Structures are given as structure tokens and as C-alpha cells.
N, C-alpha and C. Protein backbone atom coordinates (compact mmCIF):
# COMPACT_ATOMS: atom_id res chain seq x y z
N MET A 1 3.16 -145.05 4.83
CA MET A 1 1.94 -144.44 5.32
C MET A 1 2.21 -142.99 5.70
N SER A 2 1.14 -142.24 5.76
CA SER A 2 1.29 -140.82 6.09
C SER A 2 1.60 -140.64 7.57
N ALA A 3 2.01 -139.43 7.90
CA ALA A 3 2.32 -139.10 9.29
C ALA A 3 1.05 -139.10 10.15
N GLU A 4 -0.11 -139.02 9.54
CA GLU A 4 -1.37 -138.98 10.28
C GLU A 4 -2.19 -140.25 10.03
N LYS A 5 -1.56 -141.38 10.04
CA LYS A 5 -2.26 -142.62 9.75
C LYS A 5 -3.29 -142.99 10.81
N TYR A 6 -3.18 -142.44 12.03
CA TYR A 6 -4.15 -142.71 13.09
C TYR A 6 -5.19 -141.61 13.21
N GLY A 7 -5.10 -140.60 12.40
CA GLY A 7 -6.02 -139.47 12.45
C GLY A 7 -5.26 -138.19 12.76
N LYS A 8 -5.90 -137.08 12.50
CA LYS A 8 -5.26 -135.79 12.69
C LYS A 8 -4.88 -135.58 14.16
N GLY A 9 -3.62 -135.29 14.38
CA GLY A 9 -3.14 -134.98 15.72
C GLY A 9 -2.84 -136.18 16.60
N VAL A 10 -3.03 -137.41 16.09
CA VAL A 10 -2.73 -138.61 16.88
C VAL A 10 -1.38 -139.14 16.44
N HIS A 11 -0.45 -139.20 17.38
CA HIS A 11 0.91 -139.60 17.07
C HIS A 11 1.14 -141.09 17.30
N GLU A 12 2.16 -141.60 16.69
CA GLU A 12 2.54 -143.01 16.79
C GLU A 12 2.78 -143.38 18.26
N PRO A 13 2.08 -144.40 18.76
CA PRO A 13 2.36 -144.85 20.13
C PRO A 13 3.72 -145.54 20.18
N TYR A 14 4.32 -145.55 21.36
CA TYR A 14 5.61 -146.21 21.52
C TYR A 14 5.73 -146.75 22.94
N ALA A 15 6.60 -147.73 23.12
CA ALA A 15 6.83 -148.32 24.43
C ALA A 15 8.06 -147.67 25.06
N HIS A 16 7.92 -147.33 26.34
CA HIS A 16 9.05 -146.73 27.07
C HIS A 16 8.87 -147.00 28.56
N GLY A 17 9.86 -147.55 29.19
CA GLY A 17 9.84 -147.76 30.63
C GLY A 17 8.71 -148.64 31.13
N GLY A 18 8.33 -149.61 30.33
CA GLY A 18 7.27 -150.53 30.74
C GLY A 18 5.86 -150.02 30.51
N THR A 19 5.71 -148.86 29.87
CA THR A 19 4.39 -148.34 29.56
C THR A 19 4.27 -148.08 28.07
N VAL A 20 3.03 -147.98 27.62
CA VAL A 20 2.75 -147.59 26.24
C VAL A 20 2.46 -146.10 26.28
N ARG A 21 3.20 -145.33 25.51
CA ARG A 21 3.07 -143.87 25.50
C ARG A 21 2.32 -143.45 24.25
N LEU A 22 1.45 -142.46 24.40
CA LEU A 22 0.65 -141.97 23.28
C LEU A 22 0.56 -140.46 23.37
N GLY A 23 0.78 -139.81 22.25
CA GLY A 23 0.66 -138.36 22.19
C GLY A 23 -0.47 -137.94 21.26
N VAL A 24 -1.24 -136.97 21.71
CA VAL A 24 -2.36 -136.44 20.94
C VAL A 24 -2.29 -134.92 21.02
N GLU A 25 -2.52 -134.26 19.90
CA GLU A 25 -2.54 -132.80 19.95
C GLU A 25 -3.85 -132.26 19.40
N ASP A 26 -4.27 -131.14 20.00
CA ASP A 26 -5.45 -130.43 19.52
C ASP A 26 -5.09 -128.95 19.47
N TYR A 27 -6.08 -128.11 19.39
CA TYR A 27 -5.82 -126.68 19.25
C TYR A 27 -5.12 -126.08 20.48
N ASP A 28 -5.20 -126.74 21.66
CA ASP A 28 -4.55 -126.24 22.87
C ASP A 28 -3.11 -126.71 23.01
N GLY A 29 -2.69 -127.65 22.24
CA GLY A 29 -1.33 -128.17 22.34
C GLY A 29 -1.31 -129.68 22.30
N ARG A 30 -0.25 -130.25 22.88
CA ARG A 30 -0.03 -131.69 22.82
C ARG A 30 -0.11 -132.29 24.21
N SER A 31 -0.77 -133.44 24.29
CA SER A 31 -0.88 -134.18 25.55
C SER A 31 -0.24 -135.55 25.37
N HIS A 32 0.33 -136.05 26.44
CA HIS A 32 0.92 -137.38 26.45
C HIS A 32 0.29 -138.17 27.58
N THR A 33 0.18 -139.45 27.37
CA THR A 33 -0.25 -140.33 28.45
C THR A 33 0.54 -141.62 28.37
N GLY A 34 0.67 -142.28 29.50
CA GLY A 34 1.30 -143.58 29.55
C GLY A 34 0.35 -144.56 30.20
N ILE A 35 0.14 -145.70 29.56
CA ILE A 35 -0.74 -146.71 30.11
C ILE A 35 -0.01 -148.05 30.14
N SER A 36 -0.46 -148.93 31.02
CA SER A 36 0.17 -150.24 31.14
C SER A 36 -0.09 -151.07 29.88
N PRO A 37 0.71 -152.10 29.66
CA PRO A 37 0.45 -152.97 28.51
C PRO A 37 -0.96 -153.57 28.53
N ASP A 38 -1.45 -154.00 29.70
CA ASP A 38 -2.81 -154.55 29.78
C ASP A 38 -3.86 -153.50 29.43
N GLU A 39 -3.67 -152.27 29.93
CA GLU A 39 -4.61 -151.19 29.60
C GLU A 39 -4.59 -150.90 28.11
N ALA A 40 -3.41 -150.94 27.51
CA ALA A 40 -3.29 -150.70 26.06
C ALA A 40 -4.04 -151.77 25.28
N ARG A 41 -3.94 -153.02 25.72
CA ARG A 41 -4.66 -154.10 25.04
C ARG A 41 -6.17 -153.90 25.13
N LEU A 42 -6.64 -153.56 26.33
CA LEU A 42 -8.07 -153.32 26.52
C LEU A 42 -8.56 -152.14 25.67
N LEU A 43 -7.76 -151.08 25.64
CA LEU A 43 -8.11 -149.92 24.82
C LEU A 43 -8.18 -150.30 23.35
N GLY A 44 -7.21 -151.08 22.89
CA GLY A 44 -7.21 -151.52 21.49
C GLY A 44 -8.46 -152.29 21.13
N LEU A 45 -8.85 -153.22 22.01
CA LEU A 45 -10.07 -153.99 21.77
C LEU A 45 -11.31 -153.10 21.76
N ARG A 46 -11.35 -152.14 22.68
CA ARG A 46 -12.49 -151.21 22.74
C ARG A 46 -12.57 -150.35 21.48
N LEU A 47 -11.42 -149.90 21.00
CA LEU A 47 -11.40 -149.09 19.78
C LEU A 47 -11.89 -149.89 18.58
N ILE A 48 -11.52 -151.16 18.52
CA ILE A 48 -12.00 -152.01 17.43
C ILE A 48 -13.52 -152.14 17.50
N LYS A 49 -14.05 -152.37 18.69
CA LYS A 49 -15.50 -152.48 18.85
C LYS A 49 -16.19 -151.17 18.44
N MET A 50 -15.65 -150.04 18.86
CA MET A 50 -16.25 -148.74 18.53
C MET A 50 -16.17 -148.48 17.02
N ALA A 51 -15.07 -148.90 16.39
CA ALA A 51 -14.94 -148.72 14.94
C ALA A 51 -16.00 -149.54 14.21
N ASP A 52 -16.22 -150.78 14.67
CA ASP A 52 -17.26 -151.62 14.05
C ASP A 52 -18.64 -150.97 14.21
N GLU A 53 -18.93 -150.43 15.39
CA GLU A 53 -20.21 -149.77 15.61
C GLU A 53 -20.35 -148.53 14.74
N ALA A 54 -19.29 -147.74 14.62
CA ALA A 54 -19.34 -146.52 13.83
C ALA A 54 -19.57 -146.83 12.35
N GLU A 55 -18.97 -147.92 11.86
CA GLU A 55 -19.18 -148.28 10.46
C GLU A 55 -20.64 -148.62 10.17
N GLY A 56 -21.34 -149.13 11.18
CA GLY A 56 -22.73 -149.50 10.99
C GLY A 56 -23.70 -148.33 11.05
N GLN A 57 -23.21 -147.17 11.43
CA GLN A 57 -24.08 -145.99 11.53
C GLN A 57 -24.07 -145.21 10.22
N GLU A 58 -25.16 -144.59 9.94
CA GLU A 58 -25.23 -143.75 8.74
C GLU A 58 -24.86 -142.33 9.10
N TRP A 59 -24.32 -141.63 8.13
CA TRP A 59 -23.93 -140.22 8.34
C TRP A 59 -25.10 -139.34 8.19
């Protein structure tokens, strides 16, 4: 897969020190965040729901 498989500027998440780490970059630079495993699961489910809703919308 390409280096941008999650979208432009979204980096591969990884686990470190008991948290899920995620890096995102935009025109201002790169940001990192760390969330708990439970928060990561909830975010994943929410993203799936939002993706399903977005597919149902017309451009």
C-alpha cells in the first residue's frame, strides 16, 4: 500500500507506552496525539459510521 493509505498527511498509527499514537500533518506542520485503547476503539467505530454516512451522500 502507499504511504498515504489513510489519506494525505495521516500517518500510520502505532502503540507505545499503553497508548495509541497518531500523527497528522497539515500546512502548519505535524501534530501527534495519544489516546487510550478504549478511546481508539470508539474512534474507529465512529469513523466507520461516518464513512458509511459519507458514502450515502452525493457530491
